[in-house]
């Protein structure tokens, strides 16, 4: 249920609200619908 993964998979900037279509998408980065980790990192993390 990490919205940042949905934003990454659907290319939705953090300044925009996620739409119902984003939340319902069958995207591999939709961690609201798919259990487990997304297929790749979604950002370059700091230490």
ModelCIF file with pLDDT and N, C-alpha, C, O atoms, coordinates in Angstrom:
data_MODEL
#
_entry.id   MODEL 
#
_entity.id                         1 
_entity.type                       polymer 
_entity.pdbx_number_of_molecules   1 
#
_entity_poly.entity_id                      1 
_entity_poly.type                           'polypeptide(L)' 
_entity_poly.nstd_linkage                   no 
_entity_poly.nstd_monomer                   no 
_entity_poly.pdbx_seq_one_letter_code       
;(UNK)(UNK)(UNK)(UNK)(UNK)(UNK)(UNK)(UNK)(UNK)(UNK)(UNK)(UNK)(UNK)(UNK)(UNK)(UNK)
(UNK)(UNK)(UNK)(UNK)(UNK)(UNK)(UNK)(UNK)(UNK)(UNK)(UNK)(UNK)(UNK)(UNK)(UNK)(UNK)
(UNK)(UNK)(UNK)(UNK)(UNK)(UNK)(UNK)(UNK)(UNK)(UNK)(UNK)(UNK)(UNK)(UNK)(UNK)
;
_entity_poly.pdbx_seq_one_letter_code_can   XXXXXXXXXXXXXXXXXXXXXXXXXXXXXXXXXXXXXXXXXXXXXXX 
_entity_poly.pdbx_strand_id                 A 
#
loop_
_entity_poly_seq.entity_id 
_entity_poly_seq.num 
_entity_poly_seq.mon_id 
_entity_poly_seq.hetero 
1 1  UNK n 
1 2  UNK n 
1 3  UNK n 
1 4  UNK n 
1 5  UNK n 
1 6  UNK n 
1 7  UNK n 
1 8  UNK n 
1 9  UNK n 
1 10 UNK n 
1 11 UNK n 
1 12 UNK n 
1 13 UNK n 
1 14 UNK n 
1 15 UNK n 
1 16 UNK n 
1 17 UNK n 
1 18 UNK n 
1 19 UNK n 
1 20 UNK n 
1 21 UNK n 
1 22 UNK n 
1 23 UNK n 
1 24 UNK n 
1 25 UNK n 
1 26 UNK n 
1 27 UNK n 
1 28 UNK n 
1 29 UNK n 
1 30 UNK n 
1 31 UNK n 
1 32 UNK n 
1 33 UNK n 
1 34 UNK n 
1 35 UNK n 
1 36 UNK n 
1 37 UNK n 
1 38 UNK n 
1 39 UNK n 
1 40 UNK n 
1 41 UNK n 
1 42 UNK n 
1 43 UNK n 
1 44 UNK n 
1 45 UNK n 
1 46 UNK n 
1 47 UNK n 
#
_struct_asym.id          A 
_struct_asym.entity_id   1 
#
loop_
_ma_qa_metric.id 
_ma_qa_metric.mode 
_ma_qa_metric.name 
_ma_qa_metric.software_group_id 
_ma_qa_metric.type 
1 global pLDDT . pLDDT 
2 local  pLDDT . pLDDT 
#
_ma_qa_metric_global.metric_id      1 
_ma_qa_metric_global.metric_value   94.98 
_ma_qa_metric_global.model_id       1 
_ma_qa_metric_global.ordinal_id     1 
#
loop_
_ma_qa_metric_local.label_asym_id 
_ma_qa_metric_local.label_comp_id 
_ma_qa_metric_local.label_seq_id 
_ma_qa_metric_local.metric_id 
_ma_qa_metric_local.metric_value 
_ma_qa_metric_local.model_id 
_ma_qa_metric_local.ordinal_id 
A UNK 1  2 94.00 1 1  
A UNK 2  2 95.00 1 2  
A UNK 3  2 93.00 1 3  
A UNK 4  2 96.00 1 4  
A UNK 5  2 97.00 1 5  
A UNK 6  2 97.00 1 6  
A UNK 7  2 97.00 1 7  
A UNK 8  2 97.00 1 8  
A UNK 9  2 97.00 1 9  
A UNK 10 2 97.00 1 10 
A UNK 11 2 97.00 1 11 
A UNK 12 2 96.00 1 12 
A UNK 13 2 93.00 1 13 
A UNK 14 2 87.00 1 14 
A UNK 15 2 88.00 1 15 
A UNK 16 2 91.00 1 16 
A UNK 17 2 88.00 1 17 
A UNK 18 2 91.00 1 18 
A UNK 19 2 93.00 1 19 
A UNK 20 2 93.00 1 20 
A UNK 21 2 95.00 1 21 
A UNK 22 2 96.00 1 22 
A UNK 23 2 94.00 1 23 
A UNK 24 2 95.00 1 24 
A UNK 25 2 95.00 1 25 
A UNK 26 2 94.00 1 26 
A UNK 27 2 94.00 1 27 
A UNK 28 2 97.00 1 28 
A UNK 29 2 98.00 1 29 
A UNK 30 2 98.00 1 30 
A UNK 31 2 97.00 1 31 
A UNK 32 2 95.00 1 32 
A UNK 33 2 95.00 1 33 
A UNK 34 2 94.00 1 34 
A UNK 35 2 93.00 1 35 
A UNK 36 2 96.00 1 36 
A UNK 37 2 98.00 1 37 
A UNK 38 2 98.00 1 38 
A UNK 39 2 97.00 1 39 
A UNK 40 2 98.00 1 40 
A UNK 41 2 98.00 1 41 
A UNK 42 2 98.00 1 42 
A UNK 43 2 96.00 1 43 
A UNK 44 2 93.00 1 44 
A UNK 45 2 95.00 1 45 
A UNK 46 2 94.00 1 46 
A UNK 47 2 96.00 1 47 
#
loop_
_atom_site.group_PDB 
_atom_site.id 
_atom_site.type_symbol 
_atom_site.label_atom_id 
_atom_site.label_alt_id 
_atom_site.label_comp_id 
_atom_site.label_asym_id 
_atom_site.label_entity_id 
_atom_site.label_seq_id 
_atom_site.pdbx_PDB_ins_code 
_atom_site.Cartn_x 
_atom_site.Cartn_y 
_atom_site.Cartn_z 
_atom_site.occupancy 
_atom_site.B_iso_or_equiv 
_atom_site.pdbx_formal_charge 
_atom_site.auth_seq_id 
_atom_site.auth_comp_id 
_atom_site.auth_asym_id 
_atom_site.auth_atom_id 
_atom_site.pdbx_PDB_model_num 
ATOM 1   N N  . UNK A 1 1  ? 0.801  -1.225 0.000   1.00 94.00 ? 1  UNK A N  1 
ATOM 2   C CA . UNK A 1 1  ? 0.000  0.000  0.000   1.00 94.00 ? 1  UNK A CA 1 
ATOM 3   C C  . UNK A 1 1  ? 0.830  1.270  0.000   1.00 94.00 ? 1  UNK A C  1 
ATOM 4   O O  . UNK A 1 1  ? 0.429  2.262  0.608   1.00 94.00 ? 1  UNK A O  1 
ATOM 5   N N  . UNK A 1 2  ? 1.969  1.264  -0.662  1.00 95.00 ? 2  UNK A N  1 
ATOM 6   C CA . UNK A 1 2  ? 2.850  2.435  -0.718  1.00 95.00 ? 2  UNK A CA 1 
ATOM 7   C C  . UNK A 1 2  ? 2.487  3.262  -1.956  1.00 95.00 ? 2  UNK A C  1 
ATOM 8   O O  . UNK A 1 2  ? 2.761  2.864  -3.088  1.00 95.00 ? 2  UNK A O  1 
ATOM 9   N N  . UNK A 1 3  ? 1.866  4.416  -1.715  1.00 93.00 ? 3  UNK A N  1 
ATOM 10  C CA . UNK A 1 3  ? 1.416  5.231  -2.844  1.00 93.00 ? 3  UNK A CA 1 
ATOM 11  C C  . UNK A 1 3  ? 2.556  5.707  -3.732  1.00 93.00 ? 3  UNK A C  1 
ATOM 12  O O  . UNK A 1 3  ? 2.356  5.911  -4.930  1.00 93.00 ? 3  UNK A O  1 
ATOM 13  N N  . UNK A 1 4  ? 3.747  5.888  -3.170  1.00 96.00 ? 4  UNK A N  1 
ATOM 14  C CA . UNK A 1 4  ? 4.887  6.334  -3.981  1.00 96.00 ? 4  UNK A CA 1 
ATOM 15  C C  . UNK A 1 4  ? 5.206  5.331  -5.090  1.00 96.00 ? 4  UNK A C  1 
ATOM 16  O O  . UNK A 1 4  ? 5.695  5.725  -6.149  1.00 96.00 ? 4  UNK A O  1 
ATOM 17  N N  . UNK A 1 5  ? 4.938  4.043  -4.867  1.00 97.00 ? 5  UNK A N  1 
ATOM 18  C CA . UNK A 1 5  ? 5.200  3.058  -5.925  1.00 97.00 ? 5  UNK A CA 1 
ATOM 19  C C  . UNK A 1 5  ? 4.192  3.222  -7.061  1.00 97.00 ? 5  UNK A C  1 
ATOM 20  O O  . UNK A 1 5  ? 4.534  3.062  -8.233  1.00 97.00 ? 5  UNK A O  1 
ATOM 21  N N  . UNK A 1 6  ? 2.954  3.542  -6.705  1.00 97.00 ? 6  UNK A N  1 
ATOM 22  C CA . UNK A 1 6  ? 1.920  3.775  -7.733  1.00 97.00 ? 6  UNK A CA 1 
ATOM 23  C C  . UNK A 1 6  ? 2.291  5.017  -8.539  1.00 97.00 ? 6  UNK A C  1 
ATOM 24  O O  . UNK A 1 6  ? 2.193  5.017  -9.766  1.00 97.00 ? 6  UNK A O  1 
ATOM 25  N N  . UNK A 1 7  ? 2.715  6.069  -7.850  1.00 97.00 ? 7  UNK A N  1 
ATOM 26  C CA . UNK A 1 7  ? 3.132  7.296  -8.531  1.00 97.00 ? 7  UNK A CA 1 
ATOM 27  C C  . UNK A 1 7  ? 4.258  6.985  -9.518  1.00 97.00 ? 7  UNK A C  1 
ATOM 28  O O  . UNK A 1 7  ? 4.247  7.464  -10.652 1.00 97.00 ? 7  UNK A O  1 
ATOM 29  N N  . UNK A 1 8  ? 5.220  6.190  -9.085  1.00 97.00 ? 8  UNK A N  1 
ATOM 30  C CA . UNK A 1 8  ? 6.350  5.832  -9.939  1.00 97.00 ? 8  UNK A CA 1 
ATOM 31  C C  . UNK A 1 8  ? 5.865  5.046  -11.165 1.00 97.00 ? 8  UNK A C  1 
ATOM 32  O O  . UNK A 1 8  ? 6.226  5.369  -12.297 1.00 97.00 ? 8  UNK A O  1 
ATOM 33  N N  . UNK A 1 9  ? 5.060  4.032  -10.937 1.00 97.00 ? 9  UNK A N  1 
ATOM 34  C CA . UNK A 1 9  ? 4.590  3.177  -12.032 1.00 97.00 ? 9  UNK A CA 1 
ATOM 35  C C  . UNK A 1 9  ? 3.676  3.873  -13.013 1.00 97.00 ? 9  UNK A C  1 
ATOM 36  O O  . UNK A 1 9  ? 3.622  3.497  -14.184 1.00 97.00 ? 9  UNK A O  1 
ATOM 37  N N  . UNK A 1 10 ? 2.954  4.886  -12.553 1.00 97.00 ? 10 UNK A N  1 
ATOM 38  C CA . UNK A 1 10 ? 2.004  5.618  -13.407 1.00 97.00 ? 10 UNK A CA 1 
ATOM 39  C C  . UNK A 1 10 ? 2.527  7.001  -13.804 1.00 97.00 ? 10 UNK A C  1 
ATOM 40  O O  . UNK A 1 10 ? 1.851  7.749  -14.509 1.00 97.00 ? 10 UNK A O  1 
ATOM 41  N N  . UNK A 1 11 ? 3.740  7.333  -13.342 1.00 97.00 ? 11 UNK A N  1 
ATOM 42  C CA . UNK A 1 11 ? 4.360  8.627  -13.648 1.00 97.00 ? 11 UNK A CA 1 
ATOM 43  C C  . UNK A 1 11 ? 3.489  9.804  -13.193 1.00 97.00 ? 11 UNK A C  1 
ATOM 44  O O  . UNK A 1 11 ? 3.272  10.761 -13.937 1.00 97.00 ? 11 UNK A O  1 
ATOM 45  N N  . UNK A 1 12 ? 2.998  9.710  -11.955 1.00 96.00 ? 12 UNK A N  1 
ATOM 46  C CA . UNK A 1 12 ? 2.176  10.775 -11.370 1.00 96.00 ? 12 UNK A CA 1 
ATOM 47  C C  . UNK A 1 12 ? 3.052  11.570 -10.401 1.00 96.00 ? 12 UNK A C  1 
ATOM 48  O O  . UNK A 1 12 ? 3.551  11.009 -9.425  1.00 96.00 ? 12 UNK A O  1 
ATOM 49  N N  . UNK A 1 13 ? 3.246  12.865 -10.654 1.00 93.00 ? 13 UNK A N  1 
ATOM 50  C CA . UNK A 1 13 ? 4.079  13.658 -9.736  1.00 93.00 ? 13 UNK A CA 1 
ATOM 51  C C  . UNK A 1 13 ? 3.466  13.749 -8.342  1.00 93.00 ? 13 UNK A C  1 
ATOM 52  O O  . UNK A 1 13 ? 2.253  13.624 -8.172  1.00 93.00 ? 13 UNK A O  1 
ATOM 53  N N  . UNK A 1 14 ? 4.322  13.967 -7.352  1.00 87.00 ? 14 UNK A N  1 
ATOM 54  C CA . UNK A 1 14 ? 3.869  14.086 -5.973  1.00 87.00 ? 14 UNK A CA 1 
ATOM 55  C C  . UNK A 1 14 ? 2.969  15.281 -5.730  1.00 87.00 ? 14 UNK A C  1 
ATOM 56  O O  . UNK A 1 14 ? 2.287  15.350 -4.708  1.00 87.00 ? 14 UNK A O  1 
ATOM 57  N N  . UNK A 1 15 ? 2.962  16.219 -6.659  1.00 88.00 ? 15 UNK A N  1 
ATOM 58  C CA . UNK A 1 15 ? 2.112  17.404 -6.532  1.00 88.00 ? 15 UNK A CA 1 
ATOM 59  C C  . UNK A 1 15 ? 0.678  17.149 -6.989  1.00 88.00 ? 15 UNK A C  1 
ATOM 60  O O  . UNK A 1 15 ? -0.200 17.984 -6.773  1.00 88.00 ? 15 UNK A O  1 
ATOM 61  N N  . UNK A 1 16 ? 0.438  16.003 -7.617  1.00 91.00 ? 16 UNK A N  1 
ATOM 62  C CA . UNK A 1 16 ? -0.906 15.664 -8.107  1.00 91.00 ? 16 UNK A CA 1 
ATOM 63  C C  . UNK A 1 16 ? -1.505 14.546 -7.271  1.00 91.00 ? 16 UNK A C  1 
ATOM 64  O O  . UNK A 1 16 ? -0.791 13.656 -6.809  1.00 91.00 ? 16 UNK A O  1 
ATOM 65  N N  . UNK A 1 17 ? -2.821 14.595 -7.079  1.00 88.00 ? 17 UNK A N  1 
ATOM 66  C CA . UNK A 1 17 ? -3.525 13.528 -6.362  1.00 88.00 ? 17 UNK A CA 1 
ATOM 67  C C  . UNK A 1 17 ? -3.589 12.287 -7.245  1.00 88.00 ? 17 UNK A C  1 
ATOM 68  O O  . UNK A 1 17 ? -3.710 12.383 -8.466  1.00 88.00 ? 17 UNK A O  1 
ATOM 69  N N  . UNK A 1 18 ? -3.506 11.127 -6.612  1.00 91.00 ? 18 UNK A N  1 
ATOM 70  C CA . UNK A 1 18 ? -3.719 9.878  -7.349  1.00 91.00 ? 18 UNK A CA 1 
ATOM 71  C C  . UNK A 1 18 ? -5.200 9.765  -7.675  1.00 91.00 ? 18 UNK A C  1 
ATOM 72  O O  . UNK A 1 18 ? -6.057 10.062 -6.843  1.00 91.00 ? 18 UNK A O  1 
ATOM 73  N N  . UNK A 1 19 ? -5.489 9.330  -8.901  1.00 93.00 ? 19 UNK A N  1 
ATOM 74  C CA . UNK A 1 19 ? -6.881 9.127  -9.326  1.00 93.00 ? 19 UNK A CA 1 
ATOM 75  C C  . UNK A 1 19 ? -7.292 7.685  -9.026  1.00 93.00 ? 19 UNK A C  1 
ATOM 76  O O  . UNK A 1 19 ? -6.446 6.819  -8.805  1.00 93.00 ? 19 UNK A O  1 
ATOM 77  N N  . UNK A 1 20 ? -8.584 7.446  -9.023  1.00 93.00 ? 20 UNK A N  1 
ATOM 78  C CA . UNK A 1 20 ? -9.092 6.090  -8.817  1.00 93.00 ? 20 UNK A CA 1 
ATOM 79  C C  . UNK A 1 20 ? -8.514 5.139  -9.870  1.00 93.00 ? 20 UNK A C  1 
ATOM 80  O O  . UNK A 1 20 ? -8.230 3.979  -9.573  1.00 93.00 ? 20 UNK A O  1 
ATOM 81  N N  . UNK A 1 21 ? -8.344 5.627  -11.083 1.00 95.00 ? 21 UNK A N  1 
ATOM 82  C CA . UNK A 1 21 ? -7.779 4.787  -12.151 1.00 95.00 ? 21 UNK A CA 1 
ATOM 83  C C  . UNK A 1 21 ? -6.326 4.408  -11.836 1.00 95.00 ? 21 UNK A C  1 
ATOM 84  O O  . UNK A 1 21 ? -5.882 3.320  -12.203 1.00 95.00 ? 21 UNK A O  1 
ATOM 85  N N  . UNK A 1 22 ? -5.584 5.293  -11.161 1.00 96.00 ? 22 UNK A N  1 
ATOM 86  C CA . UNK A 1 22 ? -4.214 4.953  -10.748 1.00 96.00 ? 22 UNK A CA 1 
ATOM 87  C C  . UNK A 1 22 ? -4.244 3.856  -9.692  1.00 96.00 ? 22 UNK A C  1 
ATOM 88  O O  . UNK A 1 22 ? -3.482 2.892  -9.759  1.00 96.00 ? 22 UNK A O  1 
ATOM 89  N N  . UNK A 1 23 ? -5.141 4.016  -8.708  1.00 94.00 ? 23 UNK A N  1 
ATOM 90  C CA . UNK A 1 23 ? -5.229 3.060  -7.602  1.00 94.00 ? 23 UNK A CA 1 
ATOM 91  C C  . UNK A 1 23 ? -5.713 1.688  -8.060  1.00 94.00 ? 23 UNK A C  1 
ATOM 92  O O  . UNK A 1 23 ? -5.391 0.674  -7.441  1.00 94.00 ? 23 UNK A O  1 
ATOM 93  N N  . UNK A 1 24 ? -6.482 1.655  -9.141  1.00 95.00 ? 24 UNK A N  1 
ATOM 94  C CA . UNK A 1 24 ? -7.043 0.396  -9.640  1.00 95.00 ? 24 UNK A CA 1 
ATOM 95  C C  . UNK A 1 24 ? -6.197 -0.213 -10.763 1.00 95.00 ? 24 UNK A C  1 
ATOM 96  O O  . UNK A 1 24 ? -6.511 -1.300 -11.250 1.00 95.00 ? 24 UNK A O  1 
ATOM 97  N N  . UNK A 1 25 ? -5.130 0.476  -11.176 1.00 95.00 ? 25 UNK A N  1 
ATOM 98  C CA . UNK A 1 25 ? -4.368 0.018  -12.339 1.00 95.00 ? 25 UNK A CA 1 
ATOM 99  C C  . UNK A 1 25 ? -3.677 -1.319 -12.069 1.00 95.00 ? 25 UNK A C  1 
ATOM 100 O O  . UNK A 1 25 ? -3.275 -1.623 -10.946 1.00 95.00 ? 25 UNK A O  1 
ATOM 101 N N  . UNK A 1 26 ? -3.557 -2.094 -13.125 1.00 94.00 ? 26 UNK A N  1 
ATOM 102 C CA . UNK A 1 26 ? -2.880 -3.390 -13.043 1.00 94.00 ? 26 UNK A CA 1 
ATOM 103 C C  . UNK A 1 26 ? -1.398 -3.211 -13.351 1.00 94.00 ? 26 UNK A C  1 
ATOM 104 O O  . UNK A 1 26 ? -0.821 -3.958 -14.140 1.00 94.00 ? 26 UNK A O  1 
ATOM 105 N N  . UNK A 1 27 ? -0.805 -2.229 -12.730 1.00 94.00 ? 27 UNK A N  1 
ATOM 106 C CA . UNK A 1 27 ? 0.589  -1.890 -12.945 1.00 94.00 ? 27 UNK A CA 1 
ATOM 107 C C  . UNK A 1 27 ? 1.450  -2.708 -11.985 1.00 94.00 ? 27 UNK A C  1 
ATOM 108 O O  . UNK A 1 27 ? 1.048  -2.898 -10.837 1.00 94.00 ? 27 UNK A O  1 
ATOM 109 N N  . UNK A 1 28 ? 2.606  -3.196 -12.403 1.00 97.00 ? 28 UNK A N  1 
ATOM 110 C CA . UNK A 1 28 ? 3.445  -3.992 -11.485 1.00 97.00 ? 28 UNK A CA 1 
ATOM 111 C C  . UNK A 1 28 ? 3.909  -3.209 -10.253 1.00 97.00 ? 28 UNK A C  1 
ATOM 112 O O  . UNK A 1 28 ? 4.376  -3.803 -9.281  1.00 97.00 ? 28 UNK A O  1 
ATOM 113 N N  . UNK A 1 29 ? 3.782  -1.891 -10.292 1.00 98.00 ? 29 UNK A N  1 
ATOM 114 C CA . UNK A 1 29 ? 4.176  -1.048 -9.154  1.00 98.00 ? 29 UNK A CA 1 
ATOM 115 C C  . UNK A 1 29 ? 2.995  -0.705 -8.250  1.00 98.00 ? 29 UNK A C  1 
ATOM 116 O O  . UNK A 1 29 ? 3.145  0.075  -7.310  1.00 98.00 ? 29 UNK A O  1 
ATOM 117 N N  . UNK A 1 30 ? 1.829  -1.277 -8.523  1.00 98.00 ? 30 UNK A N  1 
ATOM 118 C CA . UNK A 1 30 ? 0.656  -0.990 -7.693  1.00 98.00 ? 30 UNK A CA 1 
ATOM 119 C C  . UNK A 1 30 ? 0.686  -1.871 -6.447  1.00 98.00 ? 30 UNK A C  1 
ATOM 120 O O  . UNK A 1 30 ? 0.161  -2.984 -6.432  1.00 98.00 ? 30 UNK A O  1 
ATOM 121 N N  . UNK A 1 31 ? 1.318  -1.338 -5.407  1.00 97.00 ? 31 UNK A N  1 
ATOM 122 C CA . UNK A 1 31 ? 1.468  -2.108 -4.168  1.00 97.00 ? 31 UNK A CA 1 
ATOM 123 C C  . UNK A 1 31 ? 0.220  -2.054 -3.295  1.00 97.00 ? 31 UNK A C  1 
ATOM 124 O O  . UNK A 1 31 ? 0.218  -2.593 -2.189  1.00 97.00 ? 31 UNK A O  1 
ATOM 125 N N  . UNK A 1 32 ? -0.835 -1.412 -3.775  1.00 95.00 ? 32 UNK A N  1 
ATOM 126 C CA . UNK A 1 32 ? -2.124 -1.530 -3.080  1.00 95.00 ? 32 UNK A CA 1 
ATOM 127 C C  . UNK A 1 32 ? -2.810 -2.833 -3.484  1.00 95.00 ? 32 UNK A C  1 
ATOM 128 O O  . UNK A 1 32 ? -3.547 -3.427 -2.697  1.00 95.00 ? 32 UNK A O  1 
ATOM 129 N N  . UNK A 1 33 ? -2.562 -3.268 -4.712  1.00 95.00 ? 33 UNK A N  1 
ATOM 130 C CA . UNK A 1 33 ? -3.215 -4.483 -5.221  1.00 95.00 ? 33 UNK A CA 1 
ATOM 131 C C  . UNK A 1 33 ? -2.294 -5.695 -5.230  1.00 95.00 ? 33 UNK A C  1 
ATOM 132 O O  . UNK A 1 33 ? -2.750 -6.822 -5.036  1.00 95.00 ? 33 UNK A O  1 
ATOM 133 N N  . UNK A 1 34 ? -1.013 -5.475 -5.450  1.00 94.00 ? 34 UNK A N  1 
ATOM 134 C CA . UNK A 1 34 ? -0.059 -6.586 -5.577  1.00 94.00 ? 34 UNK A CA 1 
ATOM 135 C C  . UNK A 1 34 ? 0.745  -6.762 -4.292  1.00 94.00 ? 34 UNK A C  1 
ATOM 136 O O  . UNK A 1 34 ? 1.383  -5.818 -3.825  1.00 94.00 ? 34 UNK A O  1 
ATOM 137 N N  . UNK A 1 35 ? 0.718  -7.956 -3.723  1.00 93.00 ? 35 UNK A N  1 
ATOM 138 C CA . UNK A 1 35 ? 1.556  -8.194 -2.532  1.00 93.00 ? 35 UNK A CA 1 
ATOM 139 C C  . UNK A 1 35 ? 3.024  -8.250 -2.928  1.00 93.00 ? 35 UNK A C  1 
ATOM 140 O O  . UNK A 1 35 ? 3.355  -8.432 -4.100  1.00 93.00 ? 35 UNK A O  1 
ATOM 141 N N  . UNK A 1 36 ? 3.886  -8.093 -1.958  1.00 96.00 ? 36 UNK A N  1 
ATOM 142 C CA . UNK A 1 36 ? 5.319  -8.171 -2.205  1.00 96.00 ? 36 UNK A CA 1 
ATOM 143 C C  . UNK A 1 36 ? 5.899  -6.838 -2.632  1.00 96.00 ? 36 UNK A C  1 
ATOM 144 O O  . UNK A 1 36 ? 5.203  -5.828 -2.729  1.00 96.00 ? 36 UNK A O  1 
ATOM 145 N N  . UNK A 1 37 ? 7.198  -6.872 -2.885  1.00 98.00 ? 37 UNK A N  1 
ATOM 146 C CA . UNK A 1 37 ? 7.917  -5.664 -3.281  1.00 98.00 ? 37 UNK A CA 1 
ATOM 147 C C  . UNK A 1 37 ? 7.657  -5.335 -4.746  1.00 98.00 ? 37 UNK A C  1 
ATOM 148 O O  . UNK A 1 37 ? 7.369  -6.233 -5.538  1.00 98.00 ? 37 UNK A O  1 
ATOM 149 N N  . UNK A 1 38 ? 7.755  -4.060 -5.116  1.00 98.00 ? 38 UNK A N  1 
ATOM 150 C CA . UNK A 1 38 ? 7.668  -3.720 -6.538  1.00 98.00 ? 38 UNK A CA 1 
ATOM 151 C C  . UNK A 1 38 ? 8.864  -4.308 -7.273  1.00 98.00 ? 38 UNK A C  1 
ATOM 152 O O  . UNK A 1 38 ? 9.840  -4.706 -6.636  1.00 98.00 ? 38 UNK A O  1 
ATOM 153 N N  . UNK A 1 39 ? 8.809  -4.371 -8.609  1.00 97.00 ? 39 UNK A N  1 
ATOM 154 C CA . UNK A 1 39 ? 9.862  -5.056 -9.362  1.00 97.00 ? 39 UNK A CA 1 
ATOM 155 C C  . UNK A 1 39 ? 11.247 -4.408 -9.275  1.00 97.00 ? 39 UNK A C  1 
ATOM 156 O O  . UNK A 1 39 ? 12.256 -5.096 -9.430  1.00 97.00 ? 39 UNK A O  1 
ATOM 157 N N  . UNK A 1 40 ? 11.309 -3.104 -9.033  1.00 98.00 ? 40 UNK A N  1 
ATOM 158 C CA . UNK A 1 40 ? 12.591 -2.398 -8.961  1.00 98.00 ? 40 UNK A CA 1 
ATOM 159 C C  . UNK A 1 40 ? 12.491 -1.299 -7.904  1.00 98.00 ? 40 UNK A C  1 
ATOM 160 O O  . UNK A 1 40 ? 11.394 -0.967 -7.453  1.00 98.00 ? 40 UNK A O  1 
ATOM 161 N N  . UNK A 1 41 ? 13.635 -0.736 -7.509  1.00 98.00 ? 41 UNK A N  1 
ATOM 162 C CA . UNK A 1 41 ? 13.574 0.464  -6.673  1.00 98.00 ? 41 UNK A CA 1 
ATOM 163 C C  . UNK A 1 41 ? 12.836 1.580  -7.426  1.00 98.00 ? 41 UNK A C  1 
ATOM 164 O O  . UNK A 1 41 ? 12.782 1.584  -8.656  1.00 98.00 ? 41 UNK A O  1 
ATOM 165 N N  . UNK A 1 42 ? 12.273 2.515  -6.672  1.00 98.00 ? 42 UNK A N  1 
ATOM 166 C CA . UNK A 1 42 ? 11.503 3.606  -7.277  1.00 98.00 ? 42 UNK A CA 1 
ATOM 167 C C  . UNK A 1 42 ? 12.218 4.952  -7.147  1.00 98.00 ? 42 UNK A C  1 
ATOM 168 O O  . UNK A 1 42 ? 11.703 5.971  -7.607  1.00 98.00 ? 42 UNK A O  1 
ATOM 169 N N  . UNK A 1 43 ? 13.391 4.965  -6.530  1.00 96.00 ? 43 UNK A N  1 
ATOM 170 C CA . UNK A 1 43 ? 14.150 6.194  -6.334  1.00 96.00 ? 43 UNK A CA 1 
ATOM 171 C C  . UNK A 1 43 ? 15.573 5.817  -5.958  1.00 96.00 ? 43 UNK A C  1 
ATOM 172 O O  . UNK A 1 43 ? 15.882 4.648  -5.728  1.00 96.00 ? 43 UNK A O  1 
ATOM 173 N N  . UNK A 1 44 ? 16.425 6.815  -5.900  1.00 93.00 ? 44 UNK A N  1 
ATOM 174 C CA . UNK A 1 44 ? 17.796 6.622  -5.450  1.00 93.00 ? 44 UNK A CA 1 
ATOM 175 C C  . UNK A 1 44 ? 17.832 6.974  -3.964  1.00 93.00 ? 44 UNK A C  1 
ATOM 176 O O  . UNK A 1 44 ? 17.813 8.156  -3.620  1.00 93.00 ? 44 UNK A O  1 
ATOM 177 N N  . UNK A 1 45 ? 17.884 5.986  -3.079  1.00 95.00 ? 45 UNK A N  1 
ATOM 178 C CA . UNK A 1 45 ? 17.809 6.277  -1.648  1.00 95.00 ? 45 UNK A CA 1 
ATOM 179 C C  . UNK A 1 45 ? 19.110 6.807  -1.076  1.00 95.00 ? 45 UNK A C  1 
ATOM 180 O O  . UNK A 1 45 ? 20.197 6.470  -1.546  1.00 95.00 ? 45 UNK A O  1 
ATOM 181 N N  . UNK A 1 46 ? 18.982 7.637  -0.059  1.00 94.00 ? 46 UNK A N  1 
ATOM 182 C CA . UNK A 1 46 ? 20.140 8.100  0.683   1.00 94.00 ? 46 UNK A CA 1 
ATOM 183 C C  . UNK A 1 46 ? 20.555 7.069  1.719   1.00 94.00 ? 46 UNK A C  1 
ATOM 184 O O  . UNK A 1 46 ? 19.859 6.080  1.946   1.00 94.00 ? 46 UNK A O  1 
ATOM 185 N N  . UNK A 1 47 ? 21.693 7.314  2.337   1.00 96.00 ? 47 UNK A N  1 
ATOM 186 C CA . UNK A 1 47 ? 22.235 6.379  3.313   1.00 96.00 ? 47 UNK A CA 1 
ATOM 187 C C  . UNK A 1 47 ? 21.277 6.154  4.487   1.00 96.00 ? 47 UNK A C  1 
ATOM 188 O O  . UNK A 1 47 ? 21.589 5.388  5.400   1.00 96.00 ? 47 UNK A O  1 
#
